[in-house]
Amino acid sequence: MRVHQRLTAELHRLGLSTTASRVLAYALADGRDRLTARDLAEGIGSSAAAISGAVQELVRLGLLQRDREPGVRSGYYRLGRPNPLPRYLASRLVLLERLEEALEAGFRELAPRDDRDRLLEARDFLSYLRASASRAIARWERSS
């Protein structure tokens, strides 16, 4: 249970809603390839209505995929393929880019003085971090 709680907390910090974080943590830690909405609801102790919104969020982000058996009305969910986390984290890198842009704008708006160079240093670090993370994610996806 601690695994689910810790994963949930960290996924929530990455920007997922609380219930979506719980669902994804459960799906990652559960050994099954396919999970129904009922499996997910029972697994995290939540209602079908809460699961519905959470899986919609996760499907939209590519973290879960929804599939159906031919002739069966209800579907099942599985983790996005390939591993969904690199793609999700890559999508979050845009936040670093926005912060870089804000730092650049702040540098231009401040009157010239020595201490505004800290803004450029922070921007350069974020640029380096974003580029490094992008390359690492691309390498990971090529090797998987």
N, C-alpha and C. Protein backbone atom coordinates (compact mmCIF):
# COMPACT_ATOMS: atom_id res chain seq x y z
N MET A 1 0.82 -1.20 0.00
CA MET A 1 0.00 0.00 0.00
C MET A 1 0.86 1.26 0.00
N ARG A 2 1.99 1.22 0.68
CA ARG A 2 2.86 2.39 0.70
C ARG A 2 3.33 2.75 -0.70
N VAL A 3 3.54 1.74 -1.55
CA VAL A 3 3.97 2.00 -2.92
C VAL A 3 2.94 2.86 -3.63
N HIS A 4 1.67 2.49 -3.51
CA HIS A 4 0.60 3.26 -4.16
C HIS A 4 0.55 4.69 -3.62
N GLN A 5 0.68 4.83 -2.32
CA GLN A 5 0.59 6.16 -1.72
C GLN A 5 1.73 7.06 -2.19
N ARG A 6 2.93 6.51 -2.22
CA ARG A 6 4.07 7.32 -2.64
C ARG A 6 3.99 7.67 -4.12
N LEU A 7 3.65 6.67 -4.95
CA LEU A 7 3.49 6.95 -6.38
C LEU A 7 2.40 7.99 -6.61
N THR A 8 1.29 7.85 -5.90
CA THR A 8 0.19 8.80 -6.03
C THR A 8 0.66 10.21 -5.71
N ALA A 9 1.37 10.37 -4.61
CA ALA A 9 1.84 11.70 -4.21
C ALA A 9 2.76 12.30 -5.26
N GLU A 10 3.68 11.50 -5.78
CA GLU A 10 4.64 12.03 -6.76
C GLU A 10 3.96 12.33 -8.10
N LEU A 11 3.04 11.48 -8.53
CA LEU A 11 2.32 11.74 -9.78
C LEU A 11 1.46 13.00 -9.65
N HIS A 12 0.89 13.19 -8.47
CA HIS A 12 0.09 14.41 -8.23
C HIS A 12 0.98 15.65 -8.30
N ARG A 13 2.18 15.56 -7.78
CA ARG A 13 3.12 16.69 -7.85
C ARG A 13 3.51 17.00 -9.29
N LEU A 14 3.44 15.98 -10.15
CA LEU A 14 3.75 16.20 -11.57
C LEU A 14 2.59 16.82 -12.34
N GLY A 15 1.46 17.01 -11.67
CA GLY A 15 0.37 17.73 -12.31
C GLY A 15 -0.89 16.93 -12.58
N LEU A 16 -0.92 15.66 -12.22
CA LEU A 16 -2.15 14.89 -12.41
C LEU A 16 -3.12 15.20 -11.28
N SER A 17 -4.41 15.05 -11.57
CA SER A 17 -5.40 15.20 -10.50
C SER A 17 -5.18 14.10 -9.48
N THR A 18 -5.75 14.27 -8.30
CA THR A 18 -5.55 13.29 -7.24
C THR A 18 -6.06 11.91 -7.65
N THR A 19 -7.27 11.84 -8.19
CA THR A 19 -7.81 10.53 -8.55
C THR A 19 -7.06 9.93 -9.72
N ALA A 20 -6.68 10.74 -10.70
CA ALA A 20 -5.89 10.22 -11.82
C ALA A 20 -4.55 9.70 -11.33
N SER A 21 -3.96 10.38 -10.36
CA SER A 21 -2.70 9.91 -9.78
C SER A 21 -2.89 8.57 -9.09
N ARG A 22 -3.98 8.41 -8.37
CA ARG A 22 -4.26 7.15 -7.69
C ARG A 22 -4.48 6.03 -8.70
N VAL A 23 -5.22 6.32 -9.76
CA VAL A 23 -5.49 5.30 -10.79
C VAL A 23 -4.19 4.89 -11.48
N LEU A 24 -3.38 5.86 -11.87
CA LEU A 24 -2.14 5.53 -12.57
C LEU A 24 -1.18 4.77 -11.64
N ALA A 25 -1.08 5.19 -10.40
CA ALA A 25 -0.22 4.47 -9.44
C ALA A 25 -0.68 3.03 -9.31
N TYR A 26 -1.98 2.83 -9.22
CA TYR A 26 -2.52 1.47 -9.11
C TYR A 26 -2.20 0.67 -10.37
N ALA A 27 -2.42 1.26 -11.54
CA ALA A 27 -2.16 0.55 -12.80
C ALA A 27 -0.68 0.21 -12.95
N LEU A 28 0.20 1.11 -12.53
CA LEU A 28 1.64 0.84 -12.63
C LEU A 28 2.06 -0.29 -11.69
N ALA A 29 1.51 -0.31 -10.48
CA ALA A 29 1.93 -1.29 -9.48
C ALA A 29 1.20 -2.63 -9.60
N ASP A 30 0.03 -2.63 -10.22
CA ASP A 30 -0.73 -3.85 -10.38
C ASP A 30 -0.09 -4.69 -11.49
N GLY A 31 -0.09 -5.98 -11.34
CA GLY A 31 0.59 -6.84 -12.31
C GLY A 31 -0.20 -7.17 -13.57
N ARG A 32 -1.46 -6.78 -13.61
CA ARG A 32 -2.30 -7.15 -14.76
C ARG A 32 -2.08 -6.21 -15.94
N ASP A 33 -2.21 -6.76 -17.14
CA ASP A 33 -2.08 -5.95 -18.35
C ASP A 33 -3.35 -5.18 -18.66
N ARG A 34 -4.49 -5.74 -18.25
CA ARG A 34 -5.79 -5.11 -18.52
C ARG A 34 -6.54 -4.90 -17.21
N LEU A 35 -7.14 -3.74 -17.09
CA LEU A 35 -7.93 -3.43 -15.91
C LEU A 35 -9.25 -2.80 -16.35
N THR A 36 -10.35 -3.28 -15.81
CA THR A 36 -11.63 -2.67 -16.09
C THR A 36 -11.82 -1.47 -15.18
N ALA A 37 -12.83 -0.67 -15.49
CA ALA A 37 -13.14 0.46 -14.61
C ALA A 37 -13.49 -0.06 -13.22
N ARG A 38 -14.17 -1.19 -13.14
CA ARG A 38 -14.51 -1.79 -11.85
C ARG A 38 -13.24 -2.19 -11.10
N ASP A 39 -12.27 -2.81 -11.81
CA ASP A 39 -10.99 -3.17 -11.17
C ASP A 39 -10.33 -1.93 -10.58
N LEU A 40 -10.31 -0.86 -11.35
CA LEU A 40 -9.66 0.37 -10.90
C LEU A 40 -10.39 0.96 -9.70
N ALA A 41 -11.72 1.00 -9.77
CA ALA A 41 -12.51 1.55 -8.66
C ALA A 41 -12.29 0.75 -7.39
N GLU A 42 -12.34 -0.57 -7.51
CA GLU A 42 -12.12 -1.42 -6.33
C GLU A 42 -10.68 -1.29 -5.84
N GLY A 43 -9.74 -1.20 -6.76
CA GLY A 43 -8.33 -1.14 -6.40
C GLY A 43 -7.95 0.10 -5.61
N ILE A 44 -8.60 1.22 -5.93
CA ILE A 44 -8.26 2.45 -5.21
C ILE A 44 -9.35 2.84 -4.21
N GLY A 45 -10.40 2.03 -4.15
CA GLY A 45 -11.48 2.32 -3.19
C GLY A 45 -12.23 3.58 -3.54
N SER A 46 -12.62 3.71 -4.80
CA SER A 46 -13.29 4.92 -5.25
C SER A 46 -14.56 4.55 -6.02
N SER A 47 -15.36 5.56 -6.34
CA SER A 47 -16.61 5.33 -7.07
C SER A 47 -16.36 5.23 -8.57
N ALA A 48 -17.30 4.63 -9.26
CA ALA A 48 -17.22 4.53 -10.72
C ALA A 48 -17.20 5.92 -11.36
N ALA A 49 -17.94 6.86 -10.78
CA ALA A 49 -17.98 8.22 -11.32
C ALA A 49 -16.61 8.89 -11.24
N ALA A 50 -15.94 8.72 -10.11
CA ALA A 50 -14.61 9.31 -9.95
C ALA A 50 -13.62 8.65 -10.92
N ILE A 51 -13.73 7.36 -11.10
CA ILE A 51 -12.85 6.64 -12.02
C ILE A 51 -13.05 7.14 -13.44
N SER A 52 -14.29 7.39 -13.82
CA SER A 52 -14.60 7.83 -15.18
C SER A 52 -13.83 9.09 -15.54
N GLY A 53 -13.87 10.09 -14.68
CA GLY A 53 -13.15 11.33 -14.94
C GLY A 53 -11.64 11.13 -14.95
N ALA A 54 -11.15 10.30 -14.05
CA ALA A 54 -9.72 10.06 -13.95
C ALA A 54 -9.19 9.34 -15.18
N VAL A 55 -9.91 8.30 -15.63
CA VAL A 55 -9.42 7.58 -16.81
C VAL A 55 -9.52 8.45 -18.06
N GLN A 56 -10.51 9.31 -18.13
CA GLN A 56 -10.58 10.25 -19.26
C GLN A 56 -9.34 11.14 -19.30
N GLU A 57 -8.94 11.64 -18.14
CA GLU A 57 -7.74 12.46 -18.05
C GLU A 57 -6.51 11.67 -18.48
N LEU A 58 -6.39 10.45 -17.99
CA LEU A 58 -5.21 9.63 -18.29
C LEU A 58 -5.18 9.20 -19.76
N VAL A 59 -6.34 8.92 -20.33
CA VAL A 59 -6.40 8.56 -21.76
C VAL A 59 -6.03 9.77 -22.60
N ARG A 60 -6.56 10.93 -22.24
CA ARG A 60 -6.24 12.17 -22.98
C ARG A 60 -4.74 12.45 -22.98
N LEU A 61 -4.08 12.14 -21.87
CA LEU A 61 -2.64 12.39 -21.75
C LEU A 61 -1.79 11.26 -22.33
N GLY A 62 -2.44 10.18 -22.77
CA GLY A 62 -1.71 9.05 -23.35
C GLY A 62 -1.12 8.12 -22.31
N LEU A 63 -1.50 8.29 -21.05
CA LEU A 63 -0.96 7.45 -19.99
C LEU A 63 -1.71 6.13 -19.86
N LEU A 64 -2.97 6.12 -20.25
CA LEU A 64 -3.76 4.90 -20.34
C LEU A 64 -4.34 4.81 -21.73
N GLN A 65 -4.60 3.59 -22.15
CA GLN A 65 -5.30 3.36 -23.41
C GLN A 65 -6.56 2.57 -23.11
N ARG A 66 -7.62 2.91 -23.83
CA ARG A 66 -8.89 2.21 -23.64
C ARG A 66 -9.07 1.28 -24.82
N ASP A 67 -9.43 0.03 -24.53
CA ASP A 67 -9.67 -0.97 -25.57
C ASP A 67 -10.95 -1.71 -25.26
N ARG A 68 -11.47 -2.40 -26.28
CA ARG A 68 -12.68 -3.21 -26.10
C ARG A 68 -12.49 -4.55 -26.78
N GLU A 69 -13.09 -5.55 -26.18
CA GLU A 69 -13.18 -6.85 -26.82
C GLU A 69 -14.33 -6.77 -27.82
N PRO A 70 -14.18 -7.35 -29.00
CA PRO A 70 -15.29 -7.34 -29.95
C PRO A 70 -16.55 -7.96 -29.33
N GLY A 71 -17.66 -7.26 -29.47
CA GLY A 71 -18.94 -7.74 -28.97
C GLY A 71 -19.18 -7.52 -27.49
N VAL A 72 -18.23 -6.92 -26.80
CA VAL A 72 -18.39 -6.66 -25.37
C VAL A 72 -18.57 -5.17 -25.17
N ARG A 73 -19.62 -4.80 -24.45
CA ARG A 73 -19.94 -3.38 -24.29
C ARG A 73 -18.91 -2.63 -23.44
N SER A 74 -18.56 -3.20 -22.31
CA SER A 74 -17.60 -2.50 -21.44
C SER A 74 -16.18 -2.76 -21.93
N GLY A 75 -15.36 -1.78 -21.70
CA GLY A 75 -13.99 -1.88 -22.15
C GLY A 75 -13.04 -2.12 -21.01
N TYR A 76 -11.78 -2.06 -21.32
CA TYR A 76 -10.74 -2.20 -20.32
C TYR A 76 -9.67 -1.17 -20.61
N TYR A 77 -8.82 -0.97 -19.64
CA TYR A 77 -7.75 0.01 -19.74
C TYR A 77 -6.41 -0.69 -19.56
N ARG A 78 -5.42 -0.15 -20.19
CA ARG A 78 -4.05 -0.64 -20.01
C ARG A 78 -3.12 0.56 -20.11
N LEU A 79 -1.93 0.38 -19.60
CA LEU A 79 -0.96 1.46 -19.66
C LEU A 79 -0.68 1.80 -21.11
N GLY A 80 -0.48 3.08 -21.39
CA GLY A 80 -0.13 3.50 -22.73
C GLY A 80 1.13 2.80 -23.20
N ARG A 81 1.21 2.56 -24.47
CA ARG A 81 2.38 1.87 -25.04
C ARG A 81 3.09 2.81 -25.98
N PRO A 82 4.37 2.84 -26.08
CA PRO A 82 5.26 2.21 -25.11
C PRO A 82 5.08 2.88 -23.75
N ASN A 83 5.96 2.59 -22.83
CA ASN A 83 5.86 3.14 -21.47
C ASN A 83 5.40 4.59 -21.54
N PRO A 84 4.30 4.93 -20.86
CA PRO A 84 3.73 6.27 -21.00
C PRO A 84 4.48 7.37 -20.27
N LEU A 85 5.28 7.04 -19.29
CA LEU A 85 5.90 8.08 -18.47
C LEU A 85 6.87 8.98 -19.24
N PRO A 86 7.73 8.44 -20.11
CA PRO A 86 8.62 9.36 -20.85
C PRO A 86 7.85 10.41 -21.66
N ARG A 87 6.78 9.97 -22.32
CA ARG A 87 5.99 10.93 -23.11
C ARG A 87 5.34 11.98 -22.22
N TYR A 88 4.81 11.55 -21.08
CA TYR A 88 4.18 12.50 -20.18
C TYR A 88 5.19 13.50 -19.65
N LEU A 89 6.35 13.00 -19.22
CA LEU A 89 7.37 13.90 -18.70
C LEU A 89 7.85 14.86 -19.78
N ALA A 90 7.96 14.38 -21.01
CA ALA A 90 8.34 15.26 -22.12
C ALA A 90 7.30 16.38 -22.28
N SER A 91 6.04 16.04 -22.11
CA SER A 91 5.00 17.07 -22.24
C SER A 91 5.09 18.10 -21.12
N ARG A 92 5.65 17.72 -19.98
CA ARG A 92 5.79 18.65 -18.86
C ARG A 92 6.98 19.59 -19.03
N LEU A 93 7.88 19.26 -19.96
CA LEU A 93 9.05 20.12 -20.18
C LEU A 93 8.66 21.51 -20.68
N VAL A 94 7.47 21.61 -21.24
CA VAL A 94 7.00 22.92 -21.70
C VAL A 94 6.93 23.91 -20.53
N LEU A 95 6.72 23.40 -19.33
CA LEU A 95 6.69 24.28 -18.15
C LEU A 95 8.05 24.93 -17.93
N LEU A 96 9.12 24.17 -18.16
CA LEU A 96 10.46 24.75 -18.05
C LEU A 96 10.67 25.82 -19.11
N GLU A 97 10.18 25.55 -20.30
CA GLU A 97 10.32 26.52 -21.39
C GLU A 97 9.58 27.82 -21.04
N ARG A 98 8.41 27.70 -20.48
CA ARG A 98 7.66 28.90 -20.08
C ARG A 98 8.41 29.69 -19.02
N LEU A 99 9.03 28.98 -18.08
CA LEU A 99 9.80 29.67 -17.05
C LEU A 99 11.03 30.33 -17.66
N GLU A 100 11.67 29.67 -18.62
CA GLU A 100 12.79 30.28 -19.33
C GLU A 100 12.36 31.59 -19.98
N GLU A 101 11.21 31.57 -20.63
CA GLU A 101 10.70 32.77 -21.30
C GLU A 101 10.42 33.87 -20.29
N ALA A 102 9.88 33.52 -19.15
CA ALA A 102 9.60 34.52 -18.11
C ALA A 102 10.89 35.12 -17.57
N LEU A 103 11.92 34.31 -17.41
CA LEU A 103 13.21 34.82 -16.94
C LEU A 103 13.83 35.76 -17.98
N GLU A 104 13.73 35.39 -19.23
CA GLU A 104 14.25 36.25 -20.31
C GLU A 104 13.51 37.59 -20.33
N ALA A 105 12.20 37.52 -20.21
CA ALA A 105 11.40 38.76 -20.20
C ALA A 105 11.76 39.61 -18.98
N GLY A 106 11.94 38.97 -17.84
CA GLY A 106 12.33 39.71 -16.64
C GLY A 106 13.68 40.39 -16.81
N PHE A 107 14.62 39.72 -17.46
CA PHE A 107 15.93 40.30 -17.72
C PHE A 107 15.80 41.56 -18.59
N ARG A 108 14.97 41.46 -19.63
CA ARG A 108 14.81 42.60 -20.54
C ARG A 108 14.10 43.77 -19.86
N GLU A 109 13.19 43.48 -18.94
CA GLU A 109 12.42 44.53 -18.28
C GLU A 109 13.19 45.26 -17.19
N LEU A 110 14.12 44.60 -16.56
CA LEU A 110 14.88 45.24 -15.48
C LEU A 110 15.91 46.19 -16.06
N ALA A 111 16.11 47.26 -15.36
CA ALA A 111 17.15 48.21 -15.78
C ALA A 111 18.50 47.51 -15.70
N PRO A 112 19.41 47.86 -16.59
CA PRO A 112 20.74 47.22 -16.56
C PRO A 112 21.40 47.40 -15.19
N ARG A 113 21.74 46.28 -14.63
CA ARG A 113 22.51 46.24 -13.39
C ARG A 113 23.04 44.82 -13.23
N ASP A 114 24.01 44.68 -12.39
CA ASP A 114 24.69 43.39 -12.26
C ASP A 114 23.79 42.26 -11.81
N ASP A 115 22.89 42.52 -10.87
CA ASP A 115 22.13 41.42 -10.29
C ASP A 115 21.08 40.83 -11.24
N ARG A 116 20.78 41.50 -12.33
CA ARG A 116 19.82 40.90 -13.25
C ARG A 116 20.44 39.74 -14.03
N ASP A 117 21.76 39.63 -13.98
CA ASP A 117 22.41 38.51 -14.65
C ASP A 117 22.01 37.16 -14.04
N ARG A 118 21.54 37.20 -12.80
CA ARG A 118 21.06 35.95 -12.18
C ARG A 118 19.89 35.38 -12.96
N LEU A 119 19.09 36.26 -13.54
CA LEU A 119 17.96 35.79 -14.34
C LEU A 119 18.45 35.02 -15.57
N LEU A 120 19.49 35.55 -16.20
CA LEU A 120 20.04 34.86 -17.37
C LEU A 120 20.68 33.53 -16.98
N GLU A 121 21.35 33.52 -15.84
CA GLU A 121 21.97 32.28 -15.39
C GLU A 121 20.89 31.22 -15.12
N ALA A 122 19.81 31.62 -14.49
CA ALA A 122 18.71 30.69 -14.22
C ALA A 122 18.08 30.22 -15.53
N ARG A 123 17.90 31.14 -16.48
CA ARG A 123 17.35 30.78 -17.79
C ARG A 123 18.25 29.78 -18.50
N ASP A 124 19.55 30.04 -18.48
CA ASP A 124 20.49 29.13 -19.15
C ASP A 124 20.48 27.74 -18.51
N PHE A 125 20.37 27.70 -17.18
CA PHE A 125 20.30 26.41 -16.51
C PHE A 125 19.06 25.64 -16.94
N LEU A 126 17.91 26.32 -16.95
CA LEU A 126 16.67 25.66 -17.34
C LEU A 126 16.72 25.19 -18.79
N SER A 127 17.33 25.98 -19.64
CA SER A 127 17.50 25.59 -21.04
C SER A 127 18.34 24.33 -21.15
N TYR A 128 19.44 24.30 -20.40
CA TYR A 128 20.31 23.12 -20.38
C TYR A 128 19.55 21.90 -19.85
N LEU A 129 18.83 22.07 -18.76
CA LEU A 129 18.08 20.98 -18.15
C LEU A 129 17.02 20.45 -19.11
N ARG A 130 16.29 21.33 -19.74
CA ARG A 130 15.23 20.92 -20.67
C ARG A 130 15.82 20.18 -21.86
N ALA A 131 16.91 20.69 -22.42
CA ALA A 131 17.54 20.03 -23.57
C ALA A 131 18.09 18.66 -23.17
N SER A 132 18.72 18.59 -22.01
CA SER A 132 19.27 17.32 -21.53
C SER A 132 18.16 16.30 -21.29
N ALA A 133 17.09 16.73 -20.67
CA ALA A 133 15.96 15.83 -20.41
C ALA A 133 15.33 15.37 -21.71
N SER A 134 15.19 16.26 -22.66
CA SER A 134 14.62 15.89 -23.97
C SER A 134 15.47 14.83 -24.65
N ARG A 135 16.79 15.02 -24.63
CA ARG A 135 17.69 14.02 -25.24
C ARG A 135 17.62 12.70 -24.51
N ALA A 136 17.57 12.73 -23.19
CA ALA A 136 17.50 11.50 -22.40
C ALA A 136 16.20 10.74 -22.69
N ILE A 137 15.10 11.45 -22.79
CA ILE A 137 13.82 10.82 -23.09
C ILE A 137 13.86 10.20 -24.49
N ALA A 138 14.42 10.92 -25.44
CA ALA A 138 14.51 10.39 -26.81
C ALA A 138 15.38 9.13 -26.85
N ARG A 139 16.51 9.15 -26.14
CA ARG A 139 17.37 7.95 -26.08
C ARG A 139 16.62 6.79 -25.46
N TRP A 140 15.91 7.05 -24.37
CA TRP A 140 15.15 6.00 -23.69
C TRP A 140 14.12 5.40 -24.64
N GLU A 141 13.38 6.23 -25.33
CA GLU A 141 12.34 5.73 -26.23
C GLU A 141 12.93 4.93 -27.38
N ARG A 142 14.10 5.34 -27.89
CA ARG A 142 14.73 4.58 -28.97
C ARG A 142 15.21 3.21 -28.49
N SER A 143 15.62 3.13 -27.23
CA SER A 143 16.17 1.88 -26.71
C SER A 143 15.07 0.93 -26.20
N SER A 144 13.86 1.42 -26.04
CA SER A 144 12.78 0.58 -25.50
C SER A 144 12.08 -0.21 -26.58
